[in-house]
Amino acid sequence: MVIYDPRFGRPPLARLRAQASRLDAEAVIVPTPEHFEGGEIPRALVQQLDVITVDPEETYARREMLSNS
């Protein structure tokens, strides 16, 4: 679990991406897209790993992004 703490001084997305990379994660599960700036799943994050939202139930898969590029 990655929890944003403003005392770290790093932007939340940068911290999430760094943690996912360090853990060699294949996917991240988030409650809603609203957890990201603008309420949208960041393209840079989906390029790195799959993003699964709980509400709405959706998977933003790397392989789909690669085929749409």
Protein backbone atom coordinates (compact mmCIF):
# COMPACT_ATOMS: atom_id res chain seq x y z
CA MET A 1 0.00 0.00 0.00
CA VAL A 2 1.33 3.43 -0.92
CA ILE A 3 -0.03 6.32 1.10
CA TYR A 4 0.60 9.91 0.12
CA ASP A 5 2.28 11.96 2.84
CA PRO A 6 2.97 15.61 1.95
CA ARG A 7 5.97 15.62 4.32
CA PHE A 8 7.93 13.66 1.70
CA GLY A 9 7.89 16.65 -0.62
CA ARG A 10 7.53 14.52 -3.76
CA PRO A 11 4.47 14.73 -5.98
CA PRO A 12 2.09 11.81 -5.27
CA LEU A 13 2.31 10.40 -8.81
CA ALA A 14 6.11 10.44 -8.74
CA ARG A 15 6.09 8.62 -5.40
CA LEU A 16 3.60 6.02 -6.68
CA ARG A 17 5.61 5.39 -9.84
CA ALA A 18 8.86 5.09 -7.88
CA GLN A 19 7.34 2.64 -5.40
CA ALA A 20 5.78 0.56 -8.19
CA SER A 21 9.13 0.43 -9.98
CA ARG A 22 11.03 -0.47 -6.81
CA LEU A 23 8.56 -3.28 -6.06
CA ASP A 24 8.50 -4.43 -9.70
CA ALA A 25 4.70 -4.17 -9.58
CA GLU A 26 2.60 -5.28 -12.51
CA ALA A 27 -0.50 -3.33 -11.45
CA VAL A 28 -1.84 -0.82 -8.96
CA ILE A 29 -5.37 -0.79 -7.54
CA VAL A 30 -6.96 2.57 -6.75
CA PRO A 31 -10.42 3.38 -5.36
CA THR A 32 -11.43 5.79 -8.14
CA PRO A 33 -9.90 7.88 -10.93
CA GLU A 34 -10.54 10.93 -8.72
CA HIS A 35 -7.46 9.93 -6.72
CA PHE A 36 -5.44 11.42 -9.59
CA GLU A 37 -5.17 15.03 -10.68
CA GLY A 38 -8.09 16.00 -12.87
CA GLY A 39 -9.89 12.74 -12.06
CA GLU A 40 -8.09 10.95 -14.91
CA ILE A 41 -5.74 7.99 -14.90
CA PRO A 42 -2.29 9.33 -15.87
CA ARG A 43 -1.07 8.02 -19.21
CA ALA A 44 2.51 7.80 -17.89
CA LEU A 45 1.33 5.47 -15.11
CA VAL A 46 -0.52 3.16 -17.52
CA GLN A 47 2.59 3.02 -19.69
CA GLN A 48 4.44 1.65 -16.66
CA LEU A 49 1.83 -0.75 -15.22
CA ASP A 50 -1.83 -1.70 -15.31
CA VAL A 51 -4.18 0.51 -13.28
CA ILE A 52 -7.32 -1.05 -11.82
CA THR A 53 -10.08 1.15 -10.41
CA VAL A 54 -12.64 -0.16 -7.93
CA ASP A 55 -15.38 2.37 -8.76
CA PRO A 56 -16.07 2.22 -11.60
CA GLU A 57 -14.67 -1.28 -12.04
CA GLU A 58 -12.18 -0.72 -14.84
CA THR A 59 -8.75 -1.88 -15.93
CA TYR A 60 -6.42 0.43 -17.81
CA ALA A 61 -3.99 -2.05 -19.34
CA ARG A 62 -0.52 -1.37 -20.71
CA ARG A 63 -1.05 -3.69 -23.65
CA GLU A 64 -4.14 -1.71 -24.74
CA MET A 65 -2.24 1.56 -24.52
CA LEU A 66 0.60 0.13 -26.60
CA SER A 67 -1.81 -1.01 -29.31
CA ASN A 68 -3.47 2.44 -29.35
CA SER A 69 -0.19 4.36 -29.71
